[in-house]
Amino acid sequence: MQKNLRELSNTMNEMVTNGQLVDAAEKYYAPNIRTVEFDGRVTEGKQAAMKKLNDFVGSIQKVKEISLLRSVSDDNASFSEYVLNFEMKDGSDIYLHEIVRSLWENGQIVEERYFKG
């Protein structure tokens, strides 16, 4: 599982750094995905998680930067540290330094938790 998880995580990270956030989520989110934001807000289920992600991506005017700083995987968990910088359609800028912890089952992510980096 370790090598397979590393390959899955690396492929997902590559998609994210190429700006394919929605495609990566569509490919890797399990139907029962649970996401947990910095502030503790929880989203349950792939449909709700995809709506939240699509709404966010739809509010981006320009991607200034998406960089993967490092990633590691162990057992059924992967951790990826990103810098994300967006110019939003409302004129604001969003800069995130975050760590994403993903729990995997059967090649899909069942939980994704975001931490401020």
C-alpha atoms as a PDB file:
ATOM      1  CA  MET A   1       0.000   0.000   0.000  1.00  0.00           C
ATOM      2  CA  GLN A   2       2.847   2.412   0.812  1.00  0.00           C
ATOM      3  CA  LYS A   3       4.203   2.628  -2.744  1.00  0.00           C
ATOM      4  CA  ASN A   4       0.709   2.782  -4.188  1.00  0.00           C
ATOM      5  CA  LEU A   5      -0.299   5.551  -1.755  1.00  0.00           C
ATOM      6  CA  ARG A   6       2.852   7.504  -2.592  1.00  0.00           C
ATOM      7  CA  GLU A   7       2.036   7.226  -6.308  1.00  0.00           C
ATOM      8  CA  LEU A   8      -1.588   8.288  -5.749  1.00  0.00           C
ATOM      9  CA  SER A   9      -0.537  11.231  -3.601  1.00  0.00           C
ATOM     10  CA  ASN A  10       2.148  12.310  -6.079  1.00  0.00           C
ATOM     11  CA  THR A  11      -0.316  12.206  -8.977  1.00  0.00           C
ATOM     12  CA  MET A  12      -2.877  14.212  -7.029  1.00  0.00           C
ATOM     13  CA  ASN A  13      -0.230  16.765  -5.998  1.00  0.00           C
ATOM     14  CA  GLU A  14       0.845  17.126  -9.627  1.00  0.00           C
ATOM     15  CA  MET A  15      -2.747  17.791 -10.689  1.00  0.00           C
ATOM     16  CA  VAL A  16      -3.187  20.392  -7.930  1.00  0.00           C
ATOM     17  CA  THR A  17       0.053  22.227  -8.779  1.00  0.00           C
ATOM     18  CA  ASN A  18      -1.072  22.296 -12.418  1.00  0.00           C
ATOM     19  CA  GLY A  19      -4.242  24.095 -11.319  1.00  0.00           C
ATOM     20  CA  GLN A  20      -6.484  21.053 -11.763  1.00  0.00           C
ATOM     21  CA  LEU A  21      -8.023  21.297  -8.281  1.00  0.00           C
ATOM     22  CA  VAL A  22     -11.519  20.271  -9.357  1.00  0.00           C
ATOM     23  CA  ASP A  23     -10.290  17.438 -11.582  1.00  0.00           C
ATOM     24  CA  ALA A  24      -8.079  16.078  -8.799  1.00  0.00           C
ATOM     25  CA  ALA A  25     -10.959  16.123  -6.319  1.00  0.00           C
ATOM     26  CA  GLU A  26     -13.328  14.529  -8.821  1.00  0.00           C
ATOM     27  CA  LYS A  27     -10.815  11.754  -9.446  1.00  0.00           C
ATOM     28  CA  TYR A  28      -9.733  11.058  -5.859  1.00  0.00           C
ATOM     29  CA  TYR A  29     -12.588  12.015  -3.514  1.00  0.00           C
ATOM     30  CA  ALA A  30     -14.555   9.014  -2.258  1.00  0.00           C
ATOM     31  CA  PRO A  31     -18.370   9.269  -2.276  1.00  0.00           C
ATOM     32  CA  ASN A  32     -18.258   9.559   1.529  1.00  0.00           C
ATOM     33  CA  ILE A  33     -15.493  12.209   1.635  1.00  0.00           C
ATOM     34  CA  ARG A  34     -15.403  14.390   4.739  1.00  0.00           C
ATOM     35  CA  THR A  35     -13.504  17.686   4.607  1.00  0.00           C
ATOM     36  CA  VAL A  36     -12.532  19.726   7.664  1.00  0.00           C
ATOM     37  CA  GLU A  37     -11.552  23.384   7.284  1.00  0.00           C
ATOM     38  CA  PHE A  38      -9.057  25.389   9.427  1.00  0.00           C
ATOM     39  CA  ASP A  39     -11.939  26.686  11.526  1.00  0.00           C
ATOM     40  CA  GLY A  40     -13.487  23.260  12.075  1.00  0.00           C
ATOM     41  CA  ARG A  41     -16.288  23.545   9.495  1.00  0.00           C
ATOM     42  CA  VAL A  42     -17.093  20.088   8.147  1.00  0.00           C
ATOM     43  CA  THR A  43     -18.441  19.156   4.728  1.00  0.00           C
ATOM     44  CA  GLU A  44     -19.881  15.664   4.333  1.00  0.00           C
ATOM     45  CA  GLY A  45     -20.151  13.789   1.032  1.00  0.00           C
ATOM     46  CA  LYS A  46     -18.639  14.191  -2.411  1.00  0.00           C
ATOM     47  CA  GLN A  47     -21.512  16.226  -3.838  1.00  0.00           C
ATOM     48  CA  ALA A  48     -21.253  18.860  -1.088  1.00  0.00           C
ATOM     49  CA  ALA A  49     -17.437  18.882  -1.183  1.00  0.00           C
ATOM     50  CA  MET A  50     -17.420  19.316  -4.962  1.00  0.00           C
ATOM     51  CA  LYS A  51     -19.940  22.166  -4.780  1.00  0.00           C
ATOM     52  CA  LYS A  52     -17.817  23.944  -2.179  1.00  0.00           C
ATOM     53  CA  LEU A  53     -14.671  23.472  -4.285  1.00  0.00           C
ATOM     54  CA  ASN A  54     -16.368  24.507  -7.536  1.00  0.00           C
ATOM     55  CA  ASP A  55     -17.750  27.641  -5.858  1.00  0.00           C
ATOM     56  CA  PHE A  56     -14.279  28.532  -4.581  1.00  0.00           C
ATOM     57  CA  VAL A  57     -12.527  27.867  -7.910  1.00  0.00           C
ATOM     58  CA  GLY A  58     -15.250  29.823  -9.705  1.00  0.00           C
ATOM     59  CA  SER A  59     -14.460  32.859  -7.561  1.00  0.00           C
ATOM     60  CA  ILE A  60     -10.792  32.925  -8.647  1.00  0.00           C
ATOM     61  CA  GLN A  61      -9.848  35.596 -11.180  1.00  0.00           C
ATOM     62  CA  LYS A  62      -6.184  34.633 -11.511  1.00  0.00           C
ATOM     63  CA  VAL A  63      -3.931  31.942 -10.094  1.00  0.00           C
ATOM     64  CA  LYS A  64      -0.724  33.646  -9.010  1.00  0.00           C
ATOM     65  CA  GLU A  65       0.922  30.584  -7.480  1.00  0.00           C
ATOM     66  CA  ILE A  66       0.289  26.984  -6.530  1.00  0.00           C
ATOM     67  CA  SER A  67       3.458  25.391  -5.180  1.00  0.00           C
ATOM     68  CA  LEU A  68       3.994  22.067  -3.468  1.00  0.00           C
ATOM     69  CA  LEU A  69       6.688  22.507  -0.839  1.00  0.00           C
ATOM     70  CA  ARG A  70       6.837  18.901   0.344  1.00  0.00           C
ATOM     71  CA  SER A  71       4.744  15.796   0.796  1.00  0.00           C
ATOM     72  CA  VAL A  72       4.970  12.547   2.700  1.00  0.00           C
ATOM     73  CA  SER A  73       2.806   9.453   2.958  1.00  0.00           C
ATOM     74  CA  ASP A  74       2.619   6.728   5.565  1.00  0.00           C
ATOM     75  CA  ASP A  75       0.154   3.905   6.195  1.00  0.00           C
ATOM     76  CA  ASN A  76      -3.161   5.334   4.868  1.00  0.00           C
ATOM     77  CA  ALA A  77      -2.332   9.041   5.265  1.00  0.00           C
ATOM     78  CA  SER A  78      -0.629  11.598   3.055  1.00  0.00           C
ATOM     79  CA  PHE A  79       0.438  15.108   4.005  1.00  0.00           C
ATOM     80  CA  SER A  80       1.084  17.836   1.444  1.00  0.00           C
ATOM     81  CA  GLU A  81       2.328  21.354   2.185  1.00  0.00           C
ATOM     82  CA  TYR A  82       1.251  23.993  -0.305  1.00  0.00           C
ATOM     83  CA  VAL A  83       1.525  27.694  -0.979  1.00  0.00           C
ATOM     84  CA  LEU A  84      -1.526  28.962  -2.850  1.00  0.00           C
ATOM     85  CA  ASN A  85      -1.927  32.554  -4.002  1.00  0.00           C
ATOM     86  CA  PHE A  86      -5.040  33.727  -5.845  1.00  0.00           C
ATOM     87  CA  GLU A  87      -6.472  36.988  -7.108  1.00  0.00           C
ATOM     88  CA  MET A  88     -10.204  36.747  -6.563  1.00  0.00           C
ATOM     89  CA  LYS A  89     -12.994  38.115  -8.742  1.00  0.00           C
ATOM     90  CA  ASP A  90     -14.094  40.412  -5.901  1.00  0.00           C
ATOM     91  CA  GLY A  91     -10.684  42.141  -6.044  1.00  0.00           C
ATOM     92  CA  SER A  92      -9.272  40.514  -2.921  1.00  0.00           C
ATOM     93  CA  ASP A  93      -6.166  38.362  -2.751  1.00  0.00           C
ATOM     94  CA  ILE A  94      -5.987  35.027  -0.980  1.00  0.00           C
ATOM     95  CA  TYR A  95      -2.627  33.706   0.181  1.00  0.00           C
ATOM     96  CA  LEU A  96      -2.625  30.297   1.854  1.00  0.00           C
ATOM     97  CA  HIS A  97       0.251  28.363   3.333  1.00  0.00           C
ATOM     98  CA  GLU A  98      -1.480  25.120   4.207  1.00  0.00           C
ATOM     99  CA  ILE A  99      -0.918  21.508   5.030  1.00  0.00           C
ATOM    100  CA  VAL A 100      -3.477  19.058   3.701  1.00  0.00           C
ATOM    101  CA  ARG A 101      -3.804  15.735   5.500  1.00  0.00           C
ATOM    102  CA  SER A 102      -5.611  13.124   3.441  1.00  0.00           C
ATOM    103  CA  LEU A 103      -6.821   9.745   4.692  1.00  0.00           C
ATOM    104  CA  TRP A 104      -7.091   7.149   1.931  1.00  0.00           C
ATOM    105  CA  GLU A 105      -9.104   3.948   1.501  1.00  0.00           C
ATOM    106  CA  ASN A 106      -9.112   1.837  -1.650  1.00  0.00           C
ATOM    107  CA  GLY A 107      -7.334   4.515  -3.693  1.00  0.00           C
ATOM    108  CA  GLN A 108      -9.702   7.326  -2.708  1.00  0.00           C
ATOM    109  CA  ILE A 109      -9.653  10.075  -0.109  1.00  0.00           C
ATOM    110  CA  VAL A 110     -12.218   9.573   2.653  1.00  0.00           C
ATOM    111  CA  GLU A 111     -11.136  12.545   4.783  1.00  0.00           C
ATOM    112  CA  GLU A 112      -9.239  15.712   3.990  1.00  0.00           C
ATOM    113  CA  ARG A 113      -8.261  18.130   6.763  1.00  0.00           C
ATOM    114  CA  TYR A 114      -6.650  21.534   6.196  1.00  0.00           C
ATOM    115  CA  PHE A 115      -4.131  23.105   8.591  1.00  0.00           C
ATOM    116  CA  LYS A 116      -2.562  26.553   8.429  1.00  0.00           C
ATOM    117  CA  GLY A 117       1.121  26.273   7.619  1.00  0.00           C
END
